[in-house]
Amino acid sequence: MDAMHVLLSDFDGRTGHPPRRDLERWLAQEASGEEWKRIADHLASCRACEEYVEACRGEQEALEARSPPATFAASVLARAASGAAPRPRWPFLLAASATAALLLIAVLLWRPAAEGERWRGAAAVVRVYLEREGQRALLGDHRPRPGDRLRYEIALPPGQRAYAALVALESARALPVLPASRAAPPFEIAGTSFLPGSAALEGGAPARLLLVIRPAPFAIDSLLVEAEFAVRQGRTLEGVAHQLLLDPEAP
């Protein structure tokens, strides 16, 4: 019997392990703050839980193979433009985990707003690319390493505009990445486009990259203060559409 069937049958009954639902919420980036860290720490030392997460990821990758990201994103936006009835939120994700490092990529799909409802938060289709030695590929196909560059492609619902910025968290300290200045305004985005510039990965302490997308302008300096406060309080920063954990020392 494979690992997936074993875990599905008896995982919730094991003591000392998070329930299946908690692991699935973690994989879908629905866990926040203290809960997210607790599960990440557990995965780093528990092979059984890691196998379950990997099995879930495998199912998602099989789904991706049947519906390529470019086609999938286009169909989501087309459905939004047509006013079709909304479906339950469905995270489209790629994830990889290892003993010393965890990498999480999550893409949240937009749903048409109900009558009178405003668009809020980080609702967008996001794809991340890795650039290495003049070549570009989806990040999910490769493990990032020092010297690589990351580029972010963002697709918003038709007619929507938003503001985006990429920040880094090193321990509890927040730093601007794109744009690189605290005094610069966030990037205004619309339609489908790449975030200007690229994020260069350097060696050093483990860090977390957060892509923040909000419907209204914001100050980068204020965003950094918010991010540091959220870390201290164990809360989720508003508008995070994508986060990536990196450990330069991981094999």
C-alpha atoms as a PDB file:
ATOM      1  CA  MET A   1       0.000   0.000   0.000  1.00  0.00           C
ATOM      2  CA  ASP A   2       1.417   3.419  -0.908  1.00  0.00           C
ATOM      3  CA  ALA A   3       2.094   6.239   1.539  1.00  0.00           C
ATOM      4  CA  MET A   4      -0.960   8.228   0.471  1.00  0.00           C
ATOM      5  CA  HIS A   5      -3.403   5.398   1.234  1.00  0.00           C
ATOM      6  CA  VAL A   6      -1.762   4.658   4.590  1.00  0.00           C
ATOM      7  CA  LEU A   7      -1.873   8.283   5.656  1.00  0.00           C
ATOM      8  CA  LEU A   8      -5.435   8.798   4.475  1.00  0.00           C
ATOM      9  CA  SER A   9      -6.635   5.848   6.524  1.00  0.00           C
ATOM     10  CA  ASP A  10      -4.930   6.417   9.854  1.00  0.00           C
ATOM     11  CA  PHE A  11      -3.282   9.850   9.925  1.00  0.00           C
ATOM     12  CA  ASP A  12      -5.891  11.594  12.064  1.00  0.00           C
ATOM     13  CA  GLY A  13      -5.686   8.843  14.682  1.00  0.00           C
ATOM     14  CA  ARG A  14      -1.998   9.321  15.375  1.00  0.00           C
ATOM     15  CA  THR A  15      -0.979  11.250  18.457  1.00  0.00           C
ATOM     16  CA  GLY A  16       1.649  13.943  18.134  1.00  0.00           C
ATOM     17  CA  HIS A  17       0.895  14.630  14.450  1.00  0.00           C
ATOM     18  CA  PRO A  18      -1.174  17.474  12.956  1.00  0.00           C
ATOM     19  CA  PRO A  19      -4.533  16.362  11.496  1.00  0.00           C
ATOM     20  CA  ARG A  20      -4.732  15.910   7.720  1.00  0.00           C
ATOM     21  CA  ARG A  21      -6.842  19.034   7.381  1.00  0.00           C
ATOM     22  CA  ASP A  22      -4.166  21.153   9.104  1.00  0.00           C
ATOM     23  CA  LEU A  23      -1.493  19.876   6.713  1.00  0.00           C
ATOM     24  CA  GLU A  24      -3.732  20.580   3.737  1.00  0.00           C
ATOM     25  CA  ARG A  25      -4.442  24.091   5.035  1.00  0.00           C
ATOM     26  CA  TRP A  26      -0.686  24.610   5.471  1.00  0.00           C
ATOM     27  CA  LEU A  27      -0.036  23.452   1.904  1.00  0.00           C
ATOM     28  CA  ALA A  28      -2.771  25.779   0.595  1.00  0.00           C
ATOM     29  CA  GLN A  29      -1.280  28.656   2.634  1.00  0.00           C
ATOM     30  CA  GLU A  30      -4.447  28.972   4.702  1.00  0.00           C
ATOM     31  CA  ALA A  31      -2.590  28.474   7.985  1.00  0.00           C
ATOM     32  CA  SER A  32      -1.332  31.685   9.521  1.00  0.00           C
ATOM     33  CA  GLY A  33       1.318  32.900  11.902  1.00  0.00           C
ATOM     34  CA  GLU A  34       2.011  30.576  14.800  1.00  0.00           C
ATOM     35  CA  GLU A  35       0.084  27.662  13.272  1.00  0.00           C
ATOM     36  CA  TRP A  36       2.062  27.916  10.016  1.00  0.00           C
ATOM     37  CA  LYS A  37       5.381  27.859  11.883  1.00  0.00           C
ATOM     38  CA  ARG A  38       4.278  24.964  14.111  1.00  0.00           C
ATOM     39  CA  ILE A  39       3.425  22.797  11.108  1.00  0.00           C
ATOM     40  CA  ALA A  40       6.582  23.810   9.218  1.00  0.00           C
ATOM     41  CA  ASP A  41       8.715  22.844  12.229  1.00  0.00           C
ATOM     42  CA  HIS A  42       6.895  19.516  12.500  1.00  0.00           C
ATOM     43  CA  LEU A  43       7.407  18.738   8.801  1.00  0.00           C
ATOM     44  CA  ALA A  44      11.128  19.363   9.141  1.00  0.00           C
ATOM     45  CA  SER A  45      11.437  16.417  11.537  1.00  0.00           C
ATOM     46  CA  CYS A  46       8.556  14.079  10.612  1.00  0.00           C
ATOM     47  CA  ARG A  47       8.974  11.946   7.505  1.00  0.00           C
ATOM     48  CA  ALA A  48       5.419  10.563   7.677  1.00  0.00           C
ATOM     49  CA  CYS A  49       3.849  14.011   7.576  1.00  0.00           C
ATOM     50  CA  GLU A  50       6.252  15.120   4.872  1.00  0.00           C
ATOM     51  CA  GLU A  51       5.248  12.107   2.749  1.00  0.00           C
ATOM     52  CA  TYR A  52       1.597  13.073   3.068  1.00  0.00           C
ATOM     53  CA  VAL A  53       2.346  16.638   1.968  1.00  0.00           C
ATOM     54  CA  GLU A  54       4.421  15.306  -0.937  1.00  0.00           C
ATOM     55  CA  ALA A  55       1.562  13.009  -1.970  1.00  0.00           C
ATOM     56  CA  CYS A  56      -0.851  15.946  -1.982  1.00  0.00           C
ATOM     57  CA  ARG A  57       1.622  17.938  -4.008  1.00  0.00           C
ATOM     58  CA  GLY A  58       1.904  15.054  -6.484  1.00  0.00           C
ATOM     59  CA  GLU A  59      -1.833  15.081  -7.036  1.00  0.00           C
ATOM     60  CA  GLN A  60      -1.699  18.833  -7.658  1.00  0.00           C
ATOM     61  CA  GLU A  61       1.144  18.423 -10.155  1.00  0.00           C
ATOM     62  CA  ALA A  62      -0.873  15.774 -11.995  1.00  0.00           C
ATOM     63  CA  LEU A  63      -3.745  18.237 -12.170  1.00  0.00           C
ATOM     64  CA  GLU A  64      -1.388  20.906 -13.495  1.00  0.00           C
ATOM     65  CA  ALA A  65      -0.228  18.528 -16.238  1.00  0.00           C
ATOM     66  CA  ARG A  66      -3.835  18.122 -17.371  1.00  0.00           C
ATOM     67  CA  SER A  67      -4.436  21.891 -17.263  1.00  0.00           C
ATOM     68  CA  PRO A  68      -1.245  23.894 -18.020  1.00  0.00           C
ATOM     69  CA  PRO A  69      -0.879  27.124 -15.985  1.00  0.00           C
ATOM     70  CA  ALA A  70      -1.134  29.499 -18.965  1.00  0.00           C
ATOM     71  CA  THR A  71      -4.359  27.878 -20.199  1.00  0.00           C
ATOM     72  CA  PHE A  72      -5.704  27.550 -16.670  1.00  0.00           C
ATOM     73  CA  ALA A  73      -5.076  31.222 -15.824  1.00  0.00           C
ATOM     74  CA  ALA A  74      -6.673  32.326 -19.092  1.00  0.00           C
ATOM     75  CA  SER A  75      -9.771  30.247 -18.397  1.00  0.00           C
ATOM     76  CA  VAL A  76     -10.098  31.707 -14.889  1.00  0.00           C
ATOM     77  CA  LEU A  77      -9.949  35.274 -16.174  1.00  0.00           C
ATOM     78  CA  ALA A  78     -12.288  34.477 -19.072  1.00  0.00           C
ATOM     79  CA  ARG A  79     -14.832  33.000 -16.666  1.00  0.00           C
ATOM     80  CA  ALA A  80     -14.547  36.113 -14.502  1.00  0.00           C
ATOM     81  CA  ALA A  81     -15.152  38.365 -17.512  1.00  0.00           C
ATOM     82  CA  SER A  82     -18.209  36.362 -18.561  1.00  0.00           C
ATOM     83  CA  GLY A  83     -19.807  36.728 -15.138  1.00  0.00           C
ATOM     84  CA  ALA A  84     -20.123  32.971 -14.633  1.00  0.00           C
ATOM     85  CA  ALA A  85     -21.243  31.816 -11.206  1.00  0.00           C
ATOM     86  CA  PRO A  86     -18.338  31.696  -8.738  1.00  0.00           C
ATOM     87  CA  ARG A  87     -16.920  28.376  -7.636  1.00  0.00           C
ATOM     88  CA  PRO A  88     -15.337  27.624  -4.264  1.00  0.00           C
ATOM     89  CA  ARG A  89     -11.768  28.913  -3.980  1.00  0.00           C
ATOM     90  CA  TRP A  90      -9.308  26.371  -5.325  1.00  0.00           C
ATOM     91  CA  PRO A  91      -5.605  26.901  -4.585  1.00  0.00           C
ATOM     92  CA  PHE A  92      -3.328  26.149  -7.542  1.00  0.00           C
ATOM     93  CA  LEU A  93       0.052  25.406  -6.056  1.00  0.00           C
ATOM     94  CA  LEU A  94       3.450  23.853  -6.388  1.00  0.00           C
ATOM     95  CA  ALA A  95       5.391  22.978  -3.247  1.00  0.00           C
ATOM     96  CA  ALA A  96       8.595  21.232  -2.304  1.00  0.00           C
ATOM     97  CA  SER A  97       9.864  20.396   1.182  1.00  0.00           C
ATOM     98  CA  ALA A  98      13.137  19.073   2.589  1.00  0.00           C
ATOM     99  CA  THR A  99      14.558  18.452   6.049  1.00  0.00           C
ATOM    100  CA  ALA A 100      16.489  21.717   6.250  1.00  0.00           C
ATOM    101  CA  ALA A 101      14.367  23.943   4.016  1.00  0.00           C
ATOM    102  CA  LEU A 102      10.766  24.382   2.972  1.00  0.00           C
ATOM    103  CA  LEU A 103       9.703  26.111  -0.213  1.00  0.00           C
ATOM    104  CA  LEU A 104       6.098  27.080  -0.653  1.00  0.00           C
ATOM    105  CA  ILE A 105       4.452  28.584  -3.693  1.00  0.00           C
ATOM    106  CA  ALA A 106       0.741  29.297  -3.644  1.00  0.00           C
ATOM    107  CA  VAL A 107      -1.448  30.855  -6.286  1.00  0.00           C
ATOM    108  CA  LEU A 108      -4.884  32.085  -5.207  1.00  0.00           C
ATOM    109  CA  LEU A 109      -7.553  32.223  -7.878  1.00  0.00           C
ATOM    110  CA  TRP A 110      -9.922  35.149  -8.236  1.00  0.00           C
ATOM    111  CA  ARG A 111     -13.667  34.711  -8.111  1.00  0.00           C
ATOM    112  CA  PRO A 112     -16.212  37.216  -9.524  1.00  0.00           C
ATOM    113  CA  ALA A 113     -17.378  39.658  -6.862  1.00  0.00           C
ATOM    114  CA  ALA A 114     -20.970  39.535  -5.730  1.00  0.00           C
ATOM    115  CA  GLU A 115     -23.215  42.550  -6.366  1.00  0.00           C
ATOM    116  CA  GLY A 116     -21.875  45.503  -4.386  1.00  0.00           C
ATOM    117  CA  GLU A 117     -18.820  43.614  -3.164  1.00  0.00           C
ATOM    118  CA  ARG A 118     -15.428  45.309  -3.516  1.00  0.00           C
ATOM    119  CA  TRP A 119     -12.318  43.459  -4.622  1.00  0.00           C
ATOM    120  CA  ARG A 120     -10.016  43.089  -1.628  1.00  0.00           C
ATOM    121  CA  GLY A 121      -6.646  41.623  -0.760  1.00  0.00           C
ATOM    122  CA  ALA A 122      -4.265  39.564  -2.868  1.00  0.00           C
ATOM    123  CA  ALA A 123      -6.643  38.029  -5.396  1.00  0.00           C
ATOM    124  CA  ALA A 124      -4.553  37.347  -8.499  1.00  0.00           C
ATOM    125  CA  VAL A 125      -2.993  34.620 -10.590  1.00  0.00           C
ATOM    126  CA  VAL A 126       0.761  34.594  -9.916  1.00  0.00           C
ATOM    127  CA  ARG A 127       3.522  32.693 -11.700  1.00  0.00           C
ATOM    128  CA  VAL A 128       7.148  32.780 -10.560  1.00  0.00           C
ATOM    129  CA  TYR A 129      10.096  32.169 -12.876  1.00  0.00           C
ATOM    130  CA  LEU A 130      13.707  31.375 -12.054  1.00  0.00           C
ATOM    131  CA  GLU A 131      16.471  32.843 -14.225  1.00  0.00           C
ATOM    132  CA  ARG A 132      19.808  31.004 -14.204  1.00  0.00           C
ATOM    133  CA  GLU A 133      22.723  31.257 -16.643  1.00  0.00           C
ATOM    134  CA  GLY A 134      20.614  33.013 -19.246  1.00  0.00           C
ATOM    135  CA  GLN A 135      17.783  30.462 -19.045  1.00  0.00           C
ATOM    136  CA  ARG A 136      14.289  30.949 -17.608  1.00  0.00           C
ATOM    137  CA  ALA A 137      11.978  28.284 -16.191  1.00  0.00           C
ATOM    138  CA  LEU A 138       9.060  28.019 -13.797  1.00  0.00           C
ATOM    139  CA  LEU A 139      10.354  28.061 -10.246  1.00  0.00           C
ATOM    140  CA  GLY A 140       8.548  24.823  -9.428  1.00  0.00           C
ATOM    141  CA  ASP A 141      10.906  22.942 -11.739  1.00  0.00           C
ATOM    142  CA  HIS A 142      14.079  23.969  -9.899  1.00  0.00           C
ATOM    143  CA  ARG A 143      15.421  24.537  -6.385  1.00  0.00           C
ATOM    144  CA  PRO A 144      16.559  28.163  -6.002  1.00  0.00           C
ATOM    145  CA  ARG A 145      20.203  28.759  -5.151  1.00  0.00           C
ATOM    146  CA  PRO A 146      22.469  31.788  -4.620  1.00  0.00           C
ATOM    147  CA  GLY A 147      23.066  33.649  -7.866  1.00  0.00           C
ATOM    148  CA  ASP A 148      19.616  32.923  -9.286  1.00  0.00           C
ATOM    149  CA  ARG A 149      17.060  35.610 -10.061  1.00  0.00           C
ATOM    150  CA  LEU A 150      13.295  35.461  -9.604  1.00  0.00           C
ATOM    151  CA  ARG A 151      10.718  37.166 -11.799  1.00  0.00           C
ATOM    152  CA  TYR A 152       7.029  37.503 -10.929  1.00  0.00           C
ATOM    153  CA  GLU A 153       4.213  37.435 -13.487  1.00  0.00           C
ATOM    154  CA  ILE A 154       0.846  38.662 -12.220  1.00  0.00           C
ATOM    155  CA  ALA A 155      -2.582  38.378 -13.882  1.00  0.00           C
ATOM    156  CA  LEU A 156      -5.441  40.482 -12.528  1.00  0.00           C
ATOM    157  CA  PRO A 157      -9.158  40.195 -13.343  1.00  0.00           C
ATOM    158  CA  PRO A 158     -10.235  42.240 -16.399  1.00  0.00           C
ATOM    159  CA  GLY A 159     -10.585  45.945 -15.658  1.00  0.00           C
ATOM    160  CA  GLN A 160      -8.892  45.718 -12.258  1.00  0.00           C
ATOM    161  CA  ARG A 161      -5.826  47.646 -11.165  1.00  0.00           C
ATOM    162  CA  ALA A 162      -3.697  46.950  -8.101  1.00  0.00           C
ATOM    163  CA  TYR A 163      -0.427  47.819  -6.376  1.00  0.00           C
ATOM    164  CA  ALA A 164       2.360  45.360  -5.690  1.00  0.00           C
ATOM    165  CA  ALA A 165       5.691  45.110  -3.893  1.00  0.00           C
ATOM    166  CA  LEU A 166       8.131  42.359  -2.944  1.00  0.00           C
ATOM    167  CA  VAL A 167       9.680  42.405   0.530  1.00  0.00           C
ATOM    168  CA  ALA A 168      12.091  40.113   2.353  1.00  0.00           C
ATOM    169  CA  LEU A 169      11.901  38.969   5.962  1.00  0.00           C
ATOM    170  CA  GLU A 170      15.153  38.001   7.649  1.00  0.00           C
ATOM    171  CA  SER A 171      14.242  36.831  11.133  1.00  0.00           C
ATOM    172  CA  ALA A 172      11.945  39.662  12.287  1.00  0.00           C
ATOM    173  CA  ARG A 173      13.472  42.349  10.044  1.00  0.00           C
ATOM    174  CA  ALA A 174      11.697  43.442   6.849  1.00  0.00           C
ATOM    175  CA  LEU A 175      13.623  44.771   3.839  1.00  0.00           C
ATOM    176  CA  PRO A 176      12.456  46.203   0.486  1.00  0.00           C
ATOM    177  CA  VAL A 177      13.282  44.122  -2.612  1.00  0.00           C
ATOM    178  CA  LEU A 178      11.065  45.345  -5.484  1.00  0.00           C
ATOM    179  CA  PRO A 179      11.064  48.306  -5.438  1.00  0.00           C
ATOM    180  CA  ALA A 180      14.395  48.440  -3.624  1.00  0.00           C
ATOM    181  CA  SER A 181      13.845  51.775  -1.877  1.00  0.00           C
ATOM    182  CA  ARG A 182      11.715  52.442   1.191  1.00  0.00           C
ATOM    183  CA  ALA A 183      10.763  55.790  -0.326  1.00  0.00           C
ATOM    184  CA  ALA A 184       9.625  54.412  -3.691  1.00  0.00           C
ATOM    185  CA  PRO A 185       5.929  53.863  -4.453  1.00  0.00           C
ATOM    186  CA  PRO A 186       4.617  50.330  -5.059  1.00  0.00           C
ATOM    187  CA  PHE A 187       4.234  49.133  -8.644  1.00  0.00           C
ATOM    188  CA  GLU A 188       0.861  49.821 -10.242  1.00  0.00           C
ATOM    189  CA  ILE A 189      -0.257  46.763 -12.202  1.00  0.00           C
ATOM    190  CA  ALA A 190      -3.127  45.821 -14.526  1.00  0.00           C
ATOM    191  CA  GLY A 191      -3.957  42.954 -16.847  1.00  0.00           C
ATOM    192  CA  THR A 192      -1.158  40.394 -17.155  1.00  0.00           C
ATOM    193  CA  SER A 193       2.407  41.632 -16.765  1.00  0.00           C
ATOM    194  CA  PHE A 194       5.744  41.020 -15.088  1.00  0.00           C
ATOM    195  CA  LEU A 195       6.674  42.890 -11.942  1.00  0.00           C
ATOM    196  CA  PRO A 196       9.443  45.320 -13.009  1.00  0.00           C
ATOM    197  CA  GLY A 197      12.927  44.071 -12.189  1.00  0.00           C
ATOM    198  CA  SER A 198      14.011  40.790 -10.643  1.00  0.00           C
ATOM    199  CA  ALA A 199      14.928  39.531  -7.173  1.00  0.00           C
ATOM    200  CA  ALA A 200      18.546  38.375  -6.927  1.00  0.00           C
ATOM    201  CA  LEU A 201      19.094  35.516  -4.479  1.00  0.00           C
ATOM    202  CA  GLU A 202      22.226  35.839  -2.367  1.00  0.00           C
ATOM    203  CA  GLY A 203      23.817  33.609   0.243  1.00  0.00           C
ATOM    204  CA  GLY A 204      23.282  34.370   3.911  1.00  0.00           C
ATOM    205  CA  ALA A 205      20.679  33.758   6.563  1.00  0.00           C
ATOM    206  CA  PRO A 206      17.364  32.055   5.704  1.00  0.00           C
ATOM    207  CA  ALA A 207      14.803  34.549   4.429  1.00  0.00           C
ATOM    208  CA  ARG A 208      11.173  34.723   3.376  1.00  0.00           C
ATOM    209  CA  LEU A 209      10.081  36.611   0.250  1.00  0.00           C
ATOM    210  CA  LEU A 210       6.561  38.054   0.377  1.00  0.00           C
ATOM    211  CA  LEU A 211       4.714  39.334  -2.688  1.00  0.00           C
ATOM    212  CA  VAL A 212       2.081  41.807  -1.515  1.00  0.00           C
ATOM    213  CA  ILE A 213      -0.772  42.865  -3.813  1.00  0.00           C
ATOM    214  CA  ARG A 214      -3.355  45.384  -2.624  1.00  0.00           C
ATOM    215  CA  PRO A 215      -6.202  47.228  -4.382  1.00  0.00           C
ATOM    216  CA  ALA A 216      -5.116  50.656  -3.079  1.00  0.00           C
ATOM    217  CA  PRO A 217      -1.736  52.449  -3.019  1.00  0.00           C
ATOM    218  CA  PHE A 218       0.439  51.994   0.062  1.00  0.00           C
ATOM    219  CA  ALA A 219       3.792  53.243   1.328  1.00  0.00           C
ATOM    220  CA  ILE A 220       6.699  50.783   1.187  1.00  0.00           C
ATOM    221  CA  ASP A 221       8.056  52.062   4.490  1.00  0.00           C
ATOM    222  CA  SER A 222       4.691  51.475   6.177  1.00  0.00           C
ATOM    223  CA  LEU A 223       4.470  48.013   4.604  1.00  0.00           C
ATOM    224  CA  LEU A 224       7.819  47.058   6.149  1.00  0.00           C
ATOM    225  CA  VAL A 225       6.617  48.195   9.570  1.00  0.00           C
ATOM    226  CA  GLU A 226       3.415  46.160   9.094  1.00  0.00           C
ATOM    227  CA  ALA A 227       5.414  43.080   8.099  1.00  0.00           C
ATOM    228  CA  GLU A 228       7.674  43.263  11.150  1.00  0.00           C
ATOM    229  CA  PHE A 229       4.670  43.769  13.434  1.00  0.00           C
ATOM    230  CA  ALA A 230       2.864  40.797  11.846  1.00  0.00           C
ATOM    231  CA  VAL A 231       5.887  38.565  12.505  1.00  0.00           C
ATOM    232  CA  ARG A 232       6.066  39.618  16.150  1.00  0.00           C
ATOM    233  CA  GLN A 233       2.332  39.051  16.610  1.00  0.00           C
ATOM    234  CA  GLY A 234       2.259  35.749  14.694  1.00  0.00           C
ATOM    235  CA  ARG A 235      -0.235  37.163  12.214  1.00  0.00           C
ATOM    236  CA  THR A 236      -0.586  37.088   8.438  1.00  0.00           C
ATOM    237  CA  LEU A 237       0.352  40.270   6.588  1.00  0.00           C
ATOM    238  CA  GLU A 238      -2.596  41.689   4.654  1.00  0.00           C
ATOM    239  CA  GLY A 239      -2.452  41.207   0.900  1.00  0.00           C
ATOM    240  CA  VAL A 240       0.213  38.478   0.697  1.00  0.00           C
ATOM    241  CA  ALA A 241      -0.375  36.706  -2.632  1.00  0.00           C
ATOM    242  CA  HIS A 242       2.765  34.561  -2.577  1.00  0.00           C
ATOM    243  CA  GLN A 243       5.491  33.667  -0.133  1.00  0.00           C
ATOM    244  CA  LEU A 244       8.726  31.800  -0.614  1.00  0.00           C
ATOM    245  CA  LEU A 245      10.977  30.419   2.123  1.00  0.00           C
ATOM    246  CA  LEU A 246      14.644  30.120   1.234  1.00  0.00           C
ATOM    247  CA  ASP A 247      17.604  28.581   3.040  1.00  0.00           C
ATOM    248  CA  PRO A 248      20.858  29.281   1.144  1.00  0.00           C
ATOM    249  CA  GLU A 249      22.627  26.521   3.085  1.00  0.00           C
ATOM    250  CA  ALA A 250      20.154  23.788   2.102  1.00  0.00           C
ATOM    251  CA  PRO A 251      21.582  21.060  -0.197  1.00  0.00           C
END
